[in-house]
Protein backbone atom coordinates (compact mmCIF):
# COMPACT_ATOMS: atom_id res chain seq x y z
CA UNK A 1 21.66 2.56 36.60
CA UNK A 2 19.44 3.84 33.79
CA UNK A 3 17.44 1.13 32.01
CA UNK A 4 18.33 0.63 28.34
CA UNK A 5 15.74 1.63 25.77
CA UNK A 6 14.13 -1.41 24.22
CA UNK A 7 13.82 -2.02 20.48
CA UNK A 8 11.42 -4.78 19.42
CA UNK A 9 11.99 -6.37 16.01
CA UNK A 10 8.95 -8.35 14.87
CA UNK A 11 9.87 -9.04 11.24
CA UNK A 12 11.65 -12.35 10.69
CA UNK A 13 13.64 -11.53 7.55
CA UNK A 14 15.24 -8.55 9.29
CA UNK A 15 16.53 -10.86 12.00
CA UNK A 16 17.78 -13.44 9.50
CA UNK A 17 19.57 -11.11 7.11
CA UNK A 18 20.54 -7.97 9.02
CA UNK A 19 22.72 -9.19 11.88
CA UNK A 20 25.06 -6.22 11.47
CA UNK A 21 22.17 -3.79 11.97
CA UNK A 22 21.11 -5.57 15.16
CA UNK A 23 24.70 -5.28 16.36
CA UNK A 24 24.62 -1.58 15.45
CA UNK A 25 21.53 -1.05 17.61
CA UNK A 26 23.08 -2.97 20.49
CA UNK A 27 26.33 -0.98 20.18
CA UNK A 28 24.28 2.22 20.35
CA UNK A 29 23.04 1.16 23.76
CA UNK A 30 19.66 -0.33 22.93
CA UNK A 31 18.27 -3.58 24.27
CA UNK A 32 17.12 -5.56 21.22
CA UNK A 33 14.31 -8.12 21.43
CA UNK A 34 13.40 -10.23 18.39
CA UNK A 35 10.46 -12.36 17.30
CA UNK A 36 11.17 -15.94 18.41
CA UNK A 37 7.90 -17.43 17.12
CA UNK A 38 9.10 -17.91 13.54
CA UNK A 39 5.87 -16.40 12.15
CA UNK A 40 3.70 -13.31 12.33
CA UNK A 41 2.82 -12.45 15.90
CA UNK A 42 -0.76 -12.59 17.13
CA UNK A 43 -2.16 -9.62 19.05
CA UNK A 44 -2.01 -11.41 22.39
CA UNK A 45 1.65 -12.32 21.77
CA UNK A 46 2.59 -8.83 20.65
CA UNK A 47 1.02 -6.96 23.58
CA UNK A 48 3.41 -8.13 26.33
CA UNK A 49 6.42 -7.64 24.04
CA UNK A 50 5.50 -4.09 23.11
CA UNK A 51 4.36 -2.97 26.56
CA UNK A 52 7.80 -1.62 27.51
CA UNK A 53 9.23 -1.08 24.01
CA UNK A 54 10.51 2.34 22.96
CA UNK A 55 10.74 1.50 19.28
CA UNK A 56 9.61 -1.23 16.89
CA UNK A 57 10.94 -2.43 13.57
CA UNK A 58 7.73 -3.92 12.26
CA UNK A 59 6.70 -6.49 9.71
CA UNK A 60 3.08 -7.32 8.89
CA UNK A 61 2.10 -8.06 12.49
CA UNK A 62 -1.15 -6.43 13.72
CA UNK A 63 -0.67 -2.98 15.27
CA UNK A 64 -4.30 -2.27 16.07
CA UNK A 65 -5.91 -0.44 19.02
CA UNK A 66 -5.25 -3.11 21.66
CA UNK A 67 -1.55 -3.32 20.77
CA UNK A 68 -0.98 0.43 20.43
CA UNK A 69 -2.73 1.27 23.70
CA UNK A 70 -0.58 -1.31 25.50
CA UNK A 71 2.60 0.39 24.22
CA UNK A 72 2.96 3.07 26.88
CA UNK A 73 6.55 4.04 26.01
CA UNK A 74 6.50 3.52 22.27
CA UNK A 75 7.91 6.37 20.19
CA UNK A 76 8.14 4.87 16.73
CA UNK A 77 6.91 2.02 14.55
CA UNK A 78 9.50 1.73 11.78
CA UNK A 79 7.83 -0.37 9.13
CA UNK A 80 10.26 -2.72 7.37
CA UNK A 81 8.64 -2.39 3.98
CA UNK A 82 5.94 -0.31 2.36
CA UNK A 83 2.44 -1.52 3.26
CA UNK A 84 0.76 0.15 6.22
CA UNK A 85 -2.65 -1.52 6.34
CA UNK A 86 -1.65 -3.53 9.44
CA UNK A 87 -1.08 -0.34 11.46
CA UNK A 88 -3.82 1.89 12.89
CA UNK A 89 -2.12 5.11 11.79
CA UNK A 90 -4.79 7.55 13.05
CA UNK A 91 -4.60 6.04 16.55
CA UNK A 92 -0.79 5.95 16.47
CA UNK A 93 -0.83 9.64 15.60
CA UNK A 94 -3.32 10.39 18.36
CA UNK A 95 -1.06 8.61 20.85
CA UNK A 96 1.99 10.56 19.64
CA UNK A 97 3.69 7.57 17.98
CA UNK A 98 5.66 8.19 14.77
CA UNK A 99 5.05 5.73 11.91
CA UNK A 100 7.62 5.32 9.12
CA UNK A 101 8.14 3.05 6.14
CA UNK A 102 10.71 2.34 3.41
CA UNK A 103 8.81 3.05 0.18
CA UNK A 104 11.67 3.01 -2.30
CA UNK A 105 13.68 0.13 -0.93
CA UNK A 106 11.87 -2.76 -2.60
CA UNK A 107 10.51 -1.21 -5.81
CA UNK A 108 12.96 -3.03 -8.10
CA UNK A 109 12.44 -6.37 -6.35
CA UNK A 110 8.63 -6.24 -6.51
CA UNK A 111 8.61 -4.94 -10.08
CA UNK A 112 10.89 -7.77 -11.20
CA UNK A 113 8.61 -10.26 -9.42
CA UNK A 114 5.66 -8.90 -11.41
CA UNK A 115 7.57 -9.30 -14.67
CA UNK A 116 8.66 -12.79 -13.60
CA UNK A 117 5.04 -13.81 -13.02
CA UNK A 118 4.15 -12.49 -16.47
CA UNK A 119 6.82 -14.67 -18.10
CA UNK A 120 5.89 -17.70 -15.97
CA UNK A 121 2.30 -17.51 -17.22
CA UNK A 122 2.99 -16.47 -20.80
CA UNK A 123 5.46 -19.35 -21.36
CA UNK A 124 3.91 -22.00 -19.04
CA UNK A 125 7.19 -22.19 -17.15
CA UNK A 126 5.80 -23.66 -13.92
CA UNK A 127 3.47 -26.24 -15.47
CA UNK A 128 6.04 -27.42 -18.03
CA UNK A 129 8.72 -27.76 -15.35
CA UNK A 130 6.34 -29.87 -13.25
CA UNK A 131 5.46 -32.02 -16.26
CA UNK A 132 9.10 -32.67 -17.17
CA UNK A 133 9.86 -33.72 -13.60
CA UNK A 134 7.07 -36.30 -13.98
CA UNK A 135 8.71 -37.53 -17.18
CA UNK A 136 6.34 -35.77 -19.58
CA UNK A 137 8.48 -33.97 -22.19
CA UNK A 138 5.72 -32.03 -23.91
CA UNK A 139 5.28 -28.28 -24.07
CA UNK A 140 2.39 -25.96 -24.77
CA UNK A 141 2.24 -22.93 -27.04
CA UNK A 142 3.27 -19.77 -25.24
CA UNK A 143 2.69 -16.07 -25.74
CA UNK A 144 5.33 -13.39 -26.41
CA UNK A 145 5.22 -10.29 -24.22
CA UNK A 146 7.03 -8.16 -26.79
CA UNK A 147 4.52 -6.10 -28.75
CA UNK A 148 1.73 -6.67 -26.25
CA UNK A 149 -0.11 -4.01 -24.21
CA UNK A 150 0.78 -3.79 -20.51
CA UNK A 151 -1.74 -2.11 -18.23
CA UNK A 152 -0.27 -0.77 -14.99
CA UNK A 153 -2.86 0.01 -12.30
CA UNK A 154 -1.29 2.38 -9.78
CA UNK A 155 1.78 4.43 -10.68
CA UNK A 156 3.58 4.77 -7.40
CA UNK A 157 7.23 3.76 -7.17
CA UNK A 158 6.63 0.09 -7.98
CA UNK A 159 4.11 0.73 -10.73
CA UNK A 160 6.52 3.14 -12.43
CA UNK A 161 9.29 0.56 -12.26
CA UNK A 162 7.01 -2.04 -13.86
CA UNK A 163 6.11 0.44 -16.60
CA UNK A 164 9.79 1.06 -17.33
CA UNK A 165 10.55 -2.66 -17.44
CA UNK A 166 7.57 -3.20 -19.73
CA UNK A 167 8.91 -0.62 -22.15
CA UNK A 168 12.25 -2.43 -22.03
CA UNK A 169 10.42 -5.55 -23.23
CA UNK A 170 9.03 -3.54 -26.14
CA UNK A 171 5.52 -3.54 -24.70
CA UNK A 172 3.10 -0.65 -25.10
CA UNK A 173 2.27 0.66 -21.63
CA UNK A 174 -1.08 2.08 -20.49
CA UNK A 175 -1.53 3.36 -16.93
CA UNK A 176 -4.34 4.17 -14.55
CA UNK A 177 -4.08 6.12 -11.30
CA UNK A 178 -6.54 8.32 -9.40
CA UNK A 179 -3.74 10.91 -9.28
CA UNK A 180 -2.12 10.71 -12.74
CA UNK A 181 1.33 12.20 -13.19
CA UNK A 182 1.23 13.35 -16.79
CA UNK A 183 4.71 14.86 -16.65
CA UNK A 184 6.21 11.48 -15.70
CA UNK A 185 4.08 9.73 -18.32
CA UNK A 186 5.21 12.10 -21.03
CA UNK A 187 8.86 11.72 -20.07
CA UNK A 188 8.68 7.91 -20.09
CA UNK A 189 6.42 7.64 -23.12
CA UNK A 190 3.41 5.98 -21.51
CA UNK A 191 -0.25 6.98 -21.53
CA UNK A 192 -2.87 7.38 -18.81
CA UNK A 193 -6.35 6.04 -19.59
CA UNK A 194 -9.48 5.23 -17.59
CA UNK A 195 -9.60 1.93 -15.70
CA UNK A 196 -12.29 0.44 -18.01
CA UNK A 197 -10.21 1.34 -21.09
CA UNK A 198 -7.07 -0.16 -19.56
CA UNK A 199 -8.82 -3.39 -18.59
CA UNK A 200 -10.50 -3.84 -21.96
CA UNK A 201 -7.34 -3.07 -23.95
CA UNK A 202 -4.40 -4.61 -22.05
CA UNK A 203 -2.97 -8.05 -22.68
CA UNK A 204 -1.39 -8.02 -19.22
CA UNK A 205 -2.80 -6.11 -16.23
CA UNK A 206 -0.45 -5.55 -13.27
CA UNK A 207 -1.84 -4.21 -9.97
CA UNK A 208 0.17 -1.79 -7.84
CA UNK A 209 -2.28 0.01 -5.55
CA UNK A 210 -2.36 0.02 -1.74
CA UNK A 211 -4.99 -1.72 0.36
CA UNK A 212 -7.66 0.85 1.17
CA UNK A 213 -11.42 1.20 1.34
CA UNK A 214 -11.62 2.37 -2.27
CA UNK A 215 -9.34 -0.40 -3.59
CA UNK A 216 -11.12 -3.31 -1.85
CA UNK A 217 -12.19 -5.67 -4.66
CA UNK A 218 -11.12 -3.05 -7.18
CA UNK A 219 -10.98 -5.95 -9.61
CA UNK A 220 -14.32 -7.73 -9.29
CA UNK A 221 -16.72 -9.55 -11.60
CA UNK A 222 -17.54 -6.43 -13.62
CA UNK A 223 -13.89 -5.54 -14.13
CA UNK A 224 -12.88 -9.10 -15.01
CA UNK A 225 -15.64 -9.19 -17.62
CA UNK A 226 -14.02 -6.16 -19.27
CA UNK A 227 -10.73 -7.99 -19.77
CA UNK A 228 -9.72 -10.00 -22.82
CA UNK A 229 -10.11 -13.76 -22.48
CA UNK A 230 -6.44 -13.99 -23.53
CA UNK A 231 -5.25 -11.53 -20.85
CA UNK A 232 -3.06 -12.15 -17.82
CA UNK A 233 -3.75 -10.60 -14.39
CA UNK A 234 -0.80 -9.95 -12.06
CA UNK A 235 -1.11 -8.96 -8.40
CA UNK A 236 1.98 -8.22 -6.30
CA UNK A 237 0.18 -5.68 -4.10
CA UNK A 238 -2.52 -6.87 -1.68
CA UNK A 239 -4.86 -9.87 -1.91
CA UNK A 240 -8.05 -7.94 -1.13
CA UNK A 241 -7.69 -5.83 -4.28
CA UNK A 242 -9.10 -8.80 -6.24
CA UNK A 243 -12.44 -10.47 -5.59
CA UNK A 244 -11.13 -14.04 -5.48
CA UNK A 245 -14.58 -15.57 -6.00
CA UNK A 246 -14.97 -13.62 -9.22
CA UNK A 247 -11.41 -14.49 -10.27
CA UNK A 248 -12.09 -18.20 -9.78
CA UNK A 249 -15.20 -17.99 -11.94
CA UNK A 250 -13.41 -16.09 -14.70
CA UNK A 251 -10.55 -18.61 -14.81
CA UNK A 252 -12.84 -21.61 -14.52
CA UNK A 253 -15.01 -20.37 -17.41
CA UNK A 254 -12.02 -19.51 -19.62
CA UNK A 255 -12.70 -15.77 -19.56
CA UNK A 256 -9.11 -15.06 -18.48
CA UNK A 257 -5.88 -16.71 -19.67
CA UNK A 258 -4.16 -16.76 -16.28
CA UNK A 259 -3.30 -15.04 -13.01
CA UNK A 260 0.04 -14.47 -11.30
CA UNK A 261 -0.44 -13.83 -7.60
CA UNK A 262 2.22 -12.88 -5.05
CA UNK A 263 -0.60 -12.39 -2.56
CA UNK A 264 -3.51 -14.67 -1.70
CA UNK A 265 -6.19 -14.61 0.98
CA UNK A 266 -5.14 -17.87 2.59
CA UNK A 267 -8.29 -18.11 4.71
CA UNK A 268 -10.49 -17.50 1.67
CA UNK A 269 -12.70 -20.44 0.59
CA UNK A 270 -11.44 -19.82 -2.95
CA UNK A 271 -7.72 -20.11 -2.18
CA UNK A 272 -7.68 -23.90 -2.56
CA UNK A 273 -9.35 -23.71 -5.97
CA UNK A 274 -6.92 -21.05 -7.19
CA UNK A 275 -3.97 -23.14 -6.02
CA UNK A 276 -5.29 -26.16 -7.96
CA UNK A 277 -5.42 -24.32 -11.30
CA UNK A 278 -2.57 -24.74 -13.79
CA UNK A 279 -3.24 -21.26 -15.18
CA UNK A 280 -2.49 -19.69 -11.78
CA UNK A 281 1.07 -19.10 -10.52
CA UNK A 282 1.34 -18.23 -6.83
CA UNK A 283 4.29 -17.00 -4.77
CA UNK A 284 4.26 -16.43 -0.97
CA UNK A 285 4.29 -12.59 -0.89
CA UNK A 286 8.00 -12.80 -1.59
CA UNK A 287 8.19 -10.03 -4.16
CA UNK A 288 10.14 -7.72 -1.85
CA UNK A 289 12.54 -10.42 -0.68
CA UNK A 290 15.79 -10.11 -2.57
CA UNK A 291 19.19 -9.79 -0.94
CA UNK A 292 19.45 -6.24 -2.23
CA UNK A 293 15.96 -5.12 -1.19
CA UNK A 294 16.28 -6.66 2.27
CA UNK A 295 19.53 -4.76 2.81
CA UNK A 296 17.94 -1.48 1.70
CA UNK A 297 14.78 -2.00 3.78
CA UNK A 298 16.83 -2.88 6.85
CA UNK A 299 19.11 0.13 6.51
CA UNK A 300 16.25 2.55 5.93
CA UNK A 301 14.13 1.12 8.76
CA UNK A 302 17.03 1.49 11.22
CA UNK A 303 17.78 5.01 9.99
CA UNK A 304 14.14 5.98 10.49
CA UNK A 305 14.06 4.45 13.96
CA UNK A 306 17.31 6.04 15.11
CA UNK A 307 16.24 9.47 13.87
CA UNK A 308 13.10 9.31 15.99
CA UNK A 309 15.01 8.03 19.01
CA UNK A 310 17.23 11.12 18.68
CA UNK A 311 14.18 13.40 18.55
CA UNK A 312 14.52 14.09 14.83
CA UNK A 313 12.08 13.87 11.95
CA UNK A 314 12.86 10.61 10.08
CA UNK A 315 13.20 10.58 6.29
CA UNK A 316 10.51 7.92 5.87
CA UNK A 317 7.84 9.49 8.10
CA UNK A 318 4.23 8.67 7.23
CA UNK A 319 2.28 10.68 9.82
CA UNK A 320 4.10 14.04 9.72
CA UNK A 321 1.30 15.70 11.67
CA UNK A 322 2.33 13.83 14.84
CA UNK A 323 5.04 16.44 15.48
CA UNK A 324 2.42 19.21 15.60
CA UNK A 325 0.15 17.55 18.17
CA UNK A 326 -0.02 18.56 21.85
CA UNK A 327 1.14 15.04 22.77
CA UNK A 328 4.21 13.81 20.89
CA UNK A 329 6.38 11.12 22.48
CA UNK A 330 9.36 12.12 20.33
CA UNK A 331 9.57 15.76 21.30
CA UNK A 332 8.20 15.18 24.79
CA UNK A 333 5.55 17.86 24.27
């Protein structure tokens, strides 16, 4: 009897909210194995699970050299989400493994989280709620977003959604991207400017760039010094985009009004200080986690995975060149 192909699902929210998709995979004849640890898997935990897997629906677990080289049968890593910095894509390509993601599935959810963080800071929503629960019925003076300047750093799918929402709030929107799309900007009615001009002009700066070598500490001491002391900084992208030491200093010294962070370097020595500040609102990288986004990410991840398992090019492919290599596990070449 032929052994069933094995699908490993490492992401926890997929397992919790997409039972019908797991049933769909099982009905299609696949053996489905899920993450039972209740957290991100460590390398040493992932290696034995992936050793005989044919496909993976992946979260933010580490898919580095040791893991990929242990996956002798693996055809596809279907990322459940957008970020790819946890996957060694060049090595996956070299090994003939297709990598996919779901770039449009969570754009509305993350954009709304960014706007929510702006409101939470501008109107002291978190601190005033805490105070009232302690019996202190006093409020501070907030700031209206309407009429303010919103600076969007990175105009991919999520950045564009934030820009559109900002316009809906009657904000003026400035954008920065290393690959500006002037046609889109003209259609929407927003303007591209240099990063220094955006930082020095905006009342709210929202970050929407991927984690990469050239975006590491993109916002550091020099950049923070460019910003208005009354400005808000929002990060729903990746923690390493901001130099957290410099951010702590800027907030501590009153050179920045506040920061809304959906991402935080938890092992950073500055995380505890950031968490102690009233002018900082932190959420647990939950921007993409809405009922609607989870459903879209799950559906698209499964569609990508099944396409590869059938020998087809998936709609969400990241490393298209894998199909042209001498060794491709999908085509069998």
